[in-house]
All heavy atoms as atom14 arrays in JSON, in Angstrom:
{
  "sequence": "WGRPEDWNGSDPRPTLKATTTKPASDVAGESSAAMA",
  "atom14_mask": [
    [1, 1, 1, 1, 1, 1, 1, 1, 1, 1, 1, 1, 1, 1],
    [1, 1, 1, 1, 0, 0, 0, 0, 0, 0, 0, 0, 0, 0],
    [1, 1, 1, 1, 1, 1, 1, 1, 1, 1, 1, 0, 0, 0],
    [1, 1, 1, 1, 1, 1, 1, 0, 0, 0, 0, 0, 0, 0],
    [1, 1, 1, 1, 1, 1, 1, 1, 1, 0, 0, 0, 0, 0],
    [1, 1, 1, 1, 1, 1, 1, 1, 0, 0, 0, 0, 0, 0],
    [1, 1, 1, 1, 1, 1, 1, 1, 1, 1, 1, 1, 1, 1],
    [1, 1, 1, 1, 1, 1, 1, 1, 0, 0, 0, 0, 0, 0],
    [1, 1, 1, 1, 0, 0, 0, 0, 0, 0, 0, 0, 0, 0],
    [1, 1, 1, 1, 1, 1, 0, 0, 0, 0, 0, 0, 0, 0],
    [1, 1, 1, 1, 1, 1, 1, 1, 0, 0, 0, 0, 0, 0],
    [1, 1, 1, 1, 1, 1, 1, 0, 0, 0, 0, 0, 0, 0],
    [1, 1, 1, 1, 1, 1, 1, 1, 1, 1, 1, 0, 0, 0],
    [1, 1, 1, 1, 1, 1, 1, 0, 0, 0, 0, 0, 0, 0],
    [1, 1, 1, 1, 1, 1, 1, 0, 0, 0, 0, 0, 0, 0],
    [1, 1, 1, 1, 1, 1, 1, 1, 0, 0, 0, 0, 0, 0],
    [1, 1, 1, 1, 1, 1, 1, 1, 1, 0, 0, 0, 0, 0],
    [1, 1, 1, 1, 1, 0, 0, 0, 0, 0, 0, 0, 0, 0],
    [1, 1, 1, 1, 1, 1, 1, 0, 0, 0, 0, 0, 0, 0],
    [1, 1, 1, 1, 1, 1, 1, 0, 0, 0, 0, 0, 0, 0],
    [1, 1, 1, 1, 1, 1, 1, 0, 0, 0, 0, 0, 0, 0],
    [1, 1, 1, 1, 1, 1, 1, 1, 1, 0, 0, 0, 0, 0],
    [1, 1, 1, 1, 1, 1, 1, 0, 0, 0, 0, 0, 0, 0],
    [1, 1, 1, 1, 1, 0, 0, 0, 0, 0, 0, 0, 0, 0],
    [1, 1, 1, 1, 1, 1, 0, 0, 0, 0, 0, 0, 0, 0],
    [1, 1, 1, 1, 1, 1, 1, 1, 0, 0, 0, 0, 0, 0],
    [1, 1, 1, 1, 1, 1, 1, 0, 0, 0, 0, 0, 0, 0],
    [1, 1, 1, 1, 1, 0, 0, 0, 0, 0, 0, 0, 0, 0],
    [1, 1, 1, 1, 0, 0, 0, 0, 0, 0, 0, 0, 0, 0],
    [1, 1, 1, 1, 1, 1, 1, 1, 1, 0, 0, 0, 0, 0],
    [1, 1, 1, 1, 1, 1, 0, 0, 0, 0, 0, 0, 0, 0],
    [1, 1, 1, 1, 1, 1, 0, 0, 0, 0, 0, 0, 0, 0],
    [1, 1, 1, 1, 1, 0, 0, 0, 0, 0, 0, 0, 0, 0],
    [1, 1, 1, 1, 1, 0, 0, 0, 0, 0, 0, 0, 0, 0],
    [1, 1, 1, 1, 1, 1, 1, 1, 0, 0, 0, 0, 0, 0],
    [1, 1, 1, 1, 1, 0, 0, 0, 0, 0, 0, 0, 0, 0]
  ],
  "atom14_positions": [
    [[0.87, -1.18, 0.0], [0.0, 0.0, 0.0], [0.9, 1.23, 0.0], [1.58, 1.53, 0.98], [-0.95, 0.04, 1.19], [-1.99, 1.1, 1.0], [-1.89, 2.42, 1.31], [-3.27, 0.94, 0.37], [-3.02, 3.1, 0.93], [-3.9, 2.21, 0.35], [-3.95, -0.15, -0.17], [-5.17, 2.41, -0.18], [-5.21, 0.05, -0.7], [-5.81, 1.32, -0.7]],
    [[0.92, 1.92, -1.1], [1.76, 3.1, -1.22], [1.69, 3.65, -2.63], [0.93, 3.17, -3.48], [0.0, 0.0, 0.0], [0.0, 0.0, 0.0], [0.0, 0.0, 0.0], [0.0, 0.0, 0.0], [0.0, 0.0, 0.0], [0.0, 0.0, 0.0], [0.0, 0.0, 0.0], [0.0, 0.0, 0.0], [0.0, 0.0, 0.0], [0.0, 0.0, 0.0]],
    [[2.5, 4.64, -2.88], [2.54, 5.25, -4.22], [3.22, 4.31, -5.22], [4.19, 3.64, -4.87], [3.32, 6.57, -4.18], [2.88, 7.56, -3.14], [3.81, 8.78, -3.15], [3.52, 9.66, -2.04], [4.09, 9.58, -0.83], [4.99, 8.62, -0.6], [3.78, 10.43, 0.12], [0.0, 0.0, 0.0], [0.0, 0.0, 0.0], [0.0, 0.0, 0.0]],
    [[2.77, 4.3, -6.46], [3.5, 3.51, -7.45], [4.92, 4.03, -7.64], [5.82, 3.25, -7.98], [2.66, 3.68, -8.72], [1.88, 4.93, -8.52], [1.62, 5.0, -7.05], [0.0, 0.0, 0.0], [0.0, 0.0, 0.0], [0.0, 0.0, 0.0], [0.0, 0.0, 0.0], [0.0, 0.0, 0.0], [0.0, 0.0, 0.0], [0.0, 0.0, 0.0]],
    [[5.11, 5.32, -7.42], [6.45, 5.91, -7.55], [7.41, 5.35, -6.5], [8.64, 5.44, -6.65], [6.37, 7.44, -7.4], [5.63, 8.15, -8.52], [4.13, 8.18, -8.33], [3.62, 7.62, -7.31], [3.43, 8.76, -9.19], [0.0, 0.0, 0.0], [0.0, 0.0, 0.0], [0.0, 0.0, 0.0], [0.0, 0.0, 0.0], [0.0, 0.0, 0.0]],
    [[6.87, 4.78, -5.41], [7.7, 4.26, -4.31], [7.73, 2.73, -4.28], [8.1, 2.14, -3.27], [7.14, 4.77, -2.97], [7.17, 6.27, -2.84], [7.98, 6.91, -3.53], [6.37, 6.82, -2.04], [0.0, 0.0, 0.0], [0.0, 0.0, 0.0], [0.0, 0.0, 0.0], [0.0, 0.0, 0.0], [0.0, 0.0, 0.0], [0.0, 0.0, 0.0]],
    [[7.36, 2.1, -5.36], [7.3, 0.63, -5.41], [8.61, 0.02, -4.93], [9.7, 0.41, -5.35], [7.01, 0.19, -6.84], [7.1, -1.29, -7.1], [8.07, -1.96, -7.76], [6.14, -2.28, -6.69], [7.8, -3.3, -7.81], [6.61, -3.52, -7.16], [4.94, -2.23, -5.98], [5.92, -4.71, -6.93], [4.25, -3.42, -5.76], [4.74, -4.64, -6.24]],
    [[8.49, -0.99, -4.04], [9.68, -1.65, -3.5], [9.63, -3.16, -3.7], [10.34, -3.9, -3.03], [9.84, -1.33, -2.01], [8.64, -1.74, -1.18], [7.81, -2.52, -1.63], [8.54, -1.22, 0.04], [0.0, 0.0, 0.0], [0.0, 0.0, 0.0], [0.0, 0.0, 0.0], [0.0, 0.0, 0.0], [0.0, 0.0, 0.0], [0.0, 0.0, 0.0]],
    [[8.82, -3.62, -4.65], [8.71, -5.04, -4.91], [9.6, -5.47, -6.07], [10.68, -4.89, -6.31], [0.0, 0.0, 0.0], [0.0, 0.0, 0.0], [0.0, 0.0, 0.0], [0.0, 0.0, 0.0], [0.0, 0.0, 0.0], [0.0, 0.0, 0.0], [0.0, 0.0, 0.0], [0.0, 0.0, 0.0], [0.0, 0.0, 0.0], [0.0, 0.0, 0.0]],
    [[9.18, -6.5, -6.78], [9.97, -7.06, -7.87], [10.32, -6.0, -8.9], [9.5, -5.17, -9.27], [9.17, -8.17, -8.57], [8.87, -9.21, -7.69], [0.0, 0.0, 0.0], [0.0, 0.0, 0.0], [0.0, 0.0, 0.0], [0.0, 0.0, 0.0], [0.0, 0.0, 0.0], [0.0, 0.0, 0.0], [0.0, 0.0, 0.0], [0.0, 0.0, 0.0]],
    [[11.56, -6.05, -9.35], [12.03, -5.08, -10.34], [13.06, -5.77, -11.23], [14.17, -6.05, -10.78], [12.64, -3.86, -9.65], [13.02, -2.76, -10.62], [12.51, -2.79, -11.76], [13.82, -1.89, -10.24], [0.0, 0.0, 0.0], [0.0, 0.0, 0.0], [0.0, 0.0, 0.0], [0.0, 0.0, 0.0], [0.0, 0.0, 0.0], [0.0, 0.0, 0.0]],
    [[12.72, -6.04, -12.49], [11.45, -5.76, -13.16], [10.31, -6.65, -12.66], [10.56, -7.69, -12.04], [11.77, -6.03, -14.62], [12.84, -7.07, -14.58], [13.68, -6.72, -13.39], [0.0, 0.0, 0.0], [0.0, 0.0, 0.0], [0.0, 0.0, 0.0], [0.0, 0.0, 0.0], [0.0, 0.0, 0.0], [0.0, 0.0, 0.0], [0.0, 0.0, 0.0]],
    [[9.1, -6.24, -12.94], [7.94, -6.99, -12.49], [7.72, -8.22, -13.37], [8.08, -8.22, -14.56], [6.7, -6.1, -12.5], [6.8, -4.92, -11.54], [5.48, -4.22, -11.35], [5.0, -3.55, -12.54], [3.79, -2.97, -12.63], [2.95, -3.01, -11.6], [3.42, -2.34, -13.74], [0.0, 0.0, 0.0], [0.0, 0.0, 0.0], [0.0, 0.0, 0.0]],
    [[7.1, -9.26, -12.82], [6.83, -10.46, -13.62], [5.78, -10.19, -14.7], [4.95, -9.27, -14.57], [6.33, -11.48, -12.6], [5.81, -10.65, -11.47], [6.67, -9.41, -11.42], [0.0, 0.0, 0.0], [0.0, 0.0, 0.0], [0.0, 0.0, 0.0], [0.0, 0.0, 0.0], [0.0, 0.0, 0.0], [0.0, 0.0, 0.0], [0.0, 0.0, 0.0]],
    [[5.81, -10.99, -15.75], [4.86, -10.84, -16.85], [4.24, -12.2, -17.18], [4.79, -13.25, -16.85], [5.54, -10.3, -18.11], [6.57, -11.22, -18.52], [6.16, -8.93, -17.85], [0.0, 0.0, 0.0], [0.0, 0.0, 0.0], [0.0, 0.0, 0.0], [0.0, 0.0, 0.0], [0.0, 0.0, 0.0], [0.0, 0.0, 0.0], [0.0, 0.0, 0.0]],
    [[3.11, -12.16, -17.85], [2.46, -13.35, -18.38], [2.36, -13.2, -19.89], [1.79, -12.23, -20.38], [1.07, -13.55, -17.77], [1.01, -13.72, -16.24], [-0.44, -13.88, -15.78], [1.85, -14.89, -15.78], [0.0, 0.0, 0.0], [0.0, 0.0, 0.0], [0.0, 0.0, 0.0], [0.0, 0.0, 0.0], [0.0, 0.0, 0.0], [0.0, 0.0, 0.0]],
    [[2.9, -14.17, -20.6], [3.06, -14.07, -22.05], [2.26, -15.18, -22.75], [2.56, -16.36, -22.6], [4.54, -14.17, -22.4], [4.88, -14.18, -23.88], [6.39, -14.36, -24.02], [6.82, -14.5, -25.46], [8.3, -14.71, -25.56], [0.0, 0.0, 0.0], [0.0, 0.0, 0.0], [0.0, 0.0, 0.0], [0.0, 0.0, 0.0], [0.0, 0.0, 0.0]],
    [[1.23, -14.8, -23.48], [0.45, -15.76, -24.26], [1.17, -16.07, -25.57], [1.71, -15.18, -26.23], [-0.94, -15.21, -24.55], [0.0, 0.0, 0.0], [0.0, 0.0, 0.0], [0.0, 0.0, 0.0], [0.0, 0.0, 0.0], [0.0, 0.0, 0.0], [0.0, 0.0, 0.0], [0.0, 0.0, 0.0], [0.0, 0.0, 0.0], [0.0, 0.0, 0.0]],
    [[1.18, -17.34, -25.93], [1.85, -17.81, -27.15], [0.97, -18.9, -27.79], [-0.14, -19.17, -27.33], [3.23, -18.41, -26.82], [3.03, -19.55, -25.96], [4.13, -17.41, -26.12], [0.0, 0.0, 0.0], [0.0, 0.0, 0.0], [0.0, 0.0, 0.0], [0.0, 0.0, 0.0], [0.0, 0.0, 0.0], [0.0, 0.0, 0.0], [0.0, 0.0, 0.0]],
    [[1.5, -19.53, -28.82], [0.74, -20.6, -29.48], [0.52, -21.79, -28.56], [-0.45, -22.53, -28.72], [1.45, -21.06, -30.75], [2.78, -21.48, -30.41], [1.55, -19.93, -31.77], [0.0, 0.0, 0.0], [0.0, 0.0, 0.0], [0.0, 0.0, 0.0], [0.0, 0.0, 0.0], [0.0, 0.0, 0.0], [0.0, 0.0, 0.0], [0.0, 0.0, 0.0]],
    [[1.4, -21.99, -27.59], [1.24, -23.1, -26.64], [0.55, -22.67, -25.36], [0.15, -23.52, -24.56], [2.61, -23.71, -26.29], [3.46, -22.68, -25.75], [3.26, -24.31, -27.53], [0.0, 0.0, 0.0], [0.0, 0.0, 0.0], [0.0, 0.0, 0.0], [0.0, 0.0, 0.0], [0.0, 0.0, 0.0], [0.0, 0.0, 0.0], [0.0, 0.0, 0.0]],
    [[0.42, -21.38, -25.15], [-0.34, -20.83, -24.02], [-1.32, -19.8, -24.6], [-1.08, -18.6, -24.53], [0.58, -20.19, -22.99], [1.4, -21.2, -22.2], [2.15, -20.51, -21.06], [2.85, -21.53, -20.18], [3.53, -20.88, -19.02], [0.0, 0.0, 0.0], [0.0, 0.0, 0.0], [0.0, 0.0, 0.0], [0.0, 0.0, 0.0], [0.0, 0.0, 0.0]],
    [[-2.4, -20.28, -25.18], [-3.3, -19.36, -25.91], [-4.1, -18.46, -24.98], [-4.24, -18.72, -23.78], [-4.21, -20.32, -26.68], [-4.23, -21.57, -25.85], [-2.85, -21.68, -25.26], [0.0, 0.0, 0.0], [0.0, 0.0, 0.0], [0.0, 0.0, 0.0], [0.0, 0.0, 0.0], [0.0, 0.0, 0.0], [0.0, 0.0, 0.0], [0.0, 0.0, 0.0]],
    [[-4.63, -17.41, -25.58], [-5.45, -16.44, -24.85], [-6.45, -15.83, -25.85], [-6.39, -14.64, -26.15], [-4.58, -15.36, -24.22], [0.0, 0.0, 0.0], [0.0, 0.0, 0.0], [0.0, 0.0, 0.0], [0.0, 0.0, 0.0], [0.0, 0.0, 0.0], [0.0, 0.0, 0.0], [0.0, 0.0, 0.0], [0.0, 0.0, 0.0], [0.0, 0.0, 0.0]],
    [[-7.35, -16.67, -26.35], [-8.28, -16.21, -27.38], [-9.16, -15.07, -26.9], [-9.51, -14.17, -27.67], [-9.16, -17.37, -27.85], [-8.39, -18.38, -28.44], [0.0, 0.0, 0.0], [0.0, 0.0, 0.0], [0.0, 0.0, 0.0], [0.0, 0.0, 0.0], [0.0, 0.0, 0.0], [0.0, 0.0, 0.0], [0.0, 0.0, 0.0], [0.0, 0.0, 0.0]],
    [[-9.52, -15.1, -25.62], [-10.37, -14.06, -25.05], [-9.67, -12.71, -25.03], [-10.2, -11.69, -25.5], [-10.84, -14.46, -23.65], [-9.79, -15.22, -22.86], [-8.58, -15.14, -23.21], [-10.15, -15.91, -21.89], [0.0, 0.0, 0.0], [0.0, 0.0, 0.0], [0.0, 0.0, 0.0], [0.0, 0.0, 0.0], [0.0, 0.0, 0.0], [0.0, 0.0, 0.0]],
    [[-8.45, -12.69, -24.5], [-7.71, -11.42, -24.38], [-7.25, -10.94, -25.76], [-7.32, -9.74, -26.06], [-6.51, -11.57, -23.43], [-5.88, -10.2, -23.18], [-6.93, -12.2, -22.11], [0.0, 0.0, 0.0], [0.0, 0.0, 0.0], [0.0, 0.0, 0.0], [0.0, 0.0, 0.0], [0.0, 0.0, 0.0], [0.0, 0.0, 0.0], [0.0, 0.0, 0.0]],
    [[-6.81, -11.86, -26.59], [-6.39, -11.47, -27.94], [-7.57, -10.94, -28.75], [-7.45, -9.95, -29.47], [-5.74, -12.65, -28.65], [0.0, 0.0, 0.0], [0.0, 0.0, 0.0], [0.0, 0.0, 0.0], [0.0, 0.0, 0.0], [0.0, 0.0, 0.0], [0.0, 0.0, 0.0], [0.0, 0.0, 0.0], [0.0, 0.0, 0.0], [0.0, 0.0, 0.0]],
    [[-8.73, -11.59, -28.62], [-9.91, -11.12, -29.34], [-10.34, -9.74, -28.88], [-10.66, -8.87, -29.71], [0.0, 0.0, 0.0], [0.0, 0.0, 0.0], [0.0, 0.0, 0.0], [0.0, 0.0, 0.0], [0.0, 0.0, 0.0], [0.0, 0.0, 0.0], [0.0, 0.0, 0.0], [0.0, 0.0, 0.0], [0.0, 0.0, 0.0], [0.0, 0.0, 0.0]],
    [[-10.36, -9.51, -27.57], [-10.75, -8.19, -27.07], [-9.72, -7.14, -27.44], [-10.08, -5.99, -27.78], [-10.93, -8.23, -25.55], [-11.42, -6.93, -24.95], [-12.79, -6.51, -25.49], [-13.79, -7.17, -25.19], [-12.84, -5.5, -26.22], [0.0, 0.0, 0.0], [0.0, 0.0, 0.0], [0.0, 0.0, 0.0], [0.0, 0.0, 0.0], [0.0, 0.0, 0.0]],
    [[-8.44, -7.47, -27.39], [-7.4, -6.52, -27.79], [-7.52, -6.19, -29.26], [-7.32, -5.03, -29.67], [-6.01, -7.09, -27.48], [-5.85, -7.34, -26.09], [0.0, 0.0, 0.0], [0.0, 0.0, 0.0], [0.0, 0.0, 0.0], [0.0, 0.0, 0.0], [0.0, 0.0, 0.0], [0.0, 0.0, 0.0], [0.0, 0.0, 0.0], [0.0, 0.0, 0.0]],
    [[-7.88, -7.18, -30.07], [-8.11, -6.94, -31.49], [-9.27, -5.97, -31.69], [-9.18, -5.03, -32.49], [-8.42, -8.27, -32.2], [-8.87, -8.05, -33.51], [0.0, 0.0, 0.0], [0.0, 0.0, 0.0], [0.0, 0.0, 0.0], [0.0, 0.0, 0.0], [0.0, 0.0, 0.0], [0.0, 0.0, 0.0], [0.0, 0.0, 0.0], [0.0, 0.0, 0.0]],
    [[-10.37, -6.19, -30.97], [-11.52, -5.29, -31.07], [-11.14, -3.87, -30.7], [-11.52, -2.91, -31.39], [-12.65, -5.8, -30.17], [0.0, 0.0, 0.0], [0.0, 0.0, 0.0], [0.0, 0.0, 0.0], [0.0, 0.0, 0.0], [0.0, 0.0, 0.0], [0.0, 0.0, 0.0], [0.0, 0.0, 0.0], [0.0, 0.0, 0.0], [0.0, 0.0, 0.0]],
    [[-10.39, -3.73, -29.62], [-9.97, -2.39, -29.17], [-9.15, -1.68, -30.23], [-9.37, -0.5, -30.53], [-9.18, -2.5, -27.87], [0.0, 0.0, 0.0], [0.0, 0.0, 0.0], [0.0, 0.0, 0.0], [0.0, 0.0, 0.0], [0.0, 0.0, 0.0], [0.0, 0.0, 0.0], [0.0, 0.0, 0.0], [0.0, 0.0, 0.0], [0.0, 0.0, 0.0]],
    [[-8.22, -2.4, -30.83], [-7.31, -1.77, -31.79], [-8.01, -1.5, -33.12], [-7.74, -0.49, -33.79], [-6.06, -2.62, -31.97], [-5.28, -2.75, -30.66], [-3.76, -3.72, -30.76], [-2.56, -2.42, -31.03], [0.0, 0.0, 0.0], [0.0, 0.0, 0.0], [0.0, 0.0, 0.0], [0.0, 0.0, 0.0], [0.0, 0.0, 0.0], [0.0, 0.0, 0.0]],
    [[-8.95, -2.36, -33.51], [-9.73, -2.1, -34.72], [-10.61, -0.87, -34.53], [-10.68, 0.01, -35.41], [-10.59, -3.32, -35.05], [0.0, 0.0, 0.0], [0.0, 0.0, 0.0], [0.0, 0.0, 0.0], [0.0, 0.0, 0.0], [0.0, 0.0, 0.0], [0.0, 0.0, 0.0], [0.0, 0.0, 0.0], [0.0, 0.0, 0.0], [0.0, 0.0, 0.0]]
  ]
}
Protein backbone atom coordinates (compact mmCIF):
# COMPACT_ATOMS: atom_id res chain seq x y z
CA TRP A 1 0.00 0.00 0.00
CA GLY A 2 1.76 3.10 -1.22
CA ARG A 3 2.54 5.25 -4.22
CA PRO A 4 3.50 3.51 -7.45
CA GLU A 5 6.45 5.91 -7.55
CA ASP A 6 7.70 4.26 -4.31
CA TRP A 7 7.30 0.63 -5.41
CA ASN A 8 9.68 -1.65 -3.50
CA GLY A 9 8.71 -5.04 -4.91
CA SER A 10 9.97 -7.06 -7.87
CA ASP A 11 12.03 -5.08 -10.34
CA PRO A 12 11.45 -5.76 -13.16
CA ARG A 13 7.94 -6.99 -12.49
CA PRO A 14 6.83 -10.46 -13.62
CA THR A 15 4.86 -10.84 -16.85
CA LEU A 16 2.46 -13.35 -18.38
CA LYS A 17 3.06 -14.07 -22.05
CA ALA A 18 0.45 -15.76 -24.26
CA THR A 19 1.85 -17.81 -27.15
CA THR A 20 0.74 -20.60 -29.48
CA THR A 21 1.24 -23.10 -26.64
CA LYS A 22 -0.34 -20.83 -24.02
CA PRO A 23 -3.30 -19.36 -25.91
CA ALA A 24 -5.45 -16.44 -24.85
CA SER A 25 -8.28 -16.21 -27.38
CA ASP A 26 -10.37 -14.06 -25.05
CA VAL A 27 -7.71 -11.42 -24.38
CA ALA A 28 -6.39 -11.47 -27.94
CA GLY A 29 -9.91 -11.12 -29.34
CA GLU A 30 -10.75 -8.19 -27.07
CA SER A 31 -7.40 -6.52 -27.79
CA SER A 32 -8.11 -6.94 -31.49
CA ALA A 33 -11.52 -5.29 -31.07
CA ALA A 34 -9.97 -2.39 -29.17
CA MET A 35 -7.31 -1.77 -31.79
CA ALA A 36 -9.73 -2.10 -34.72
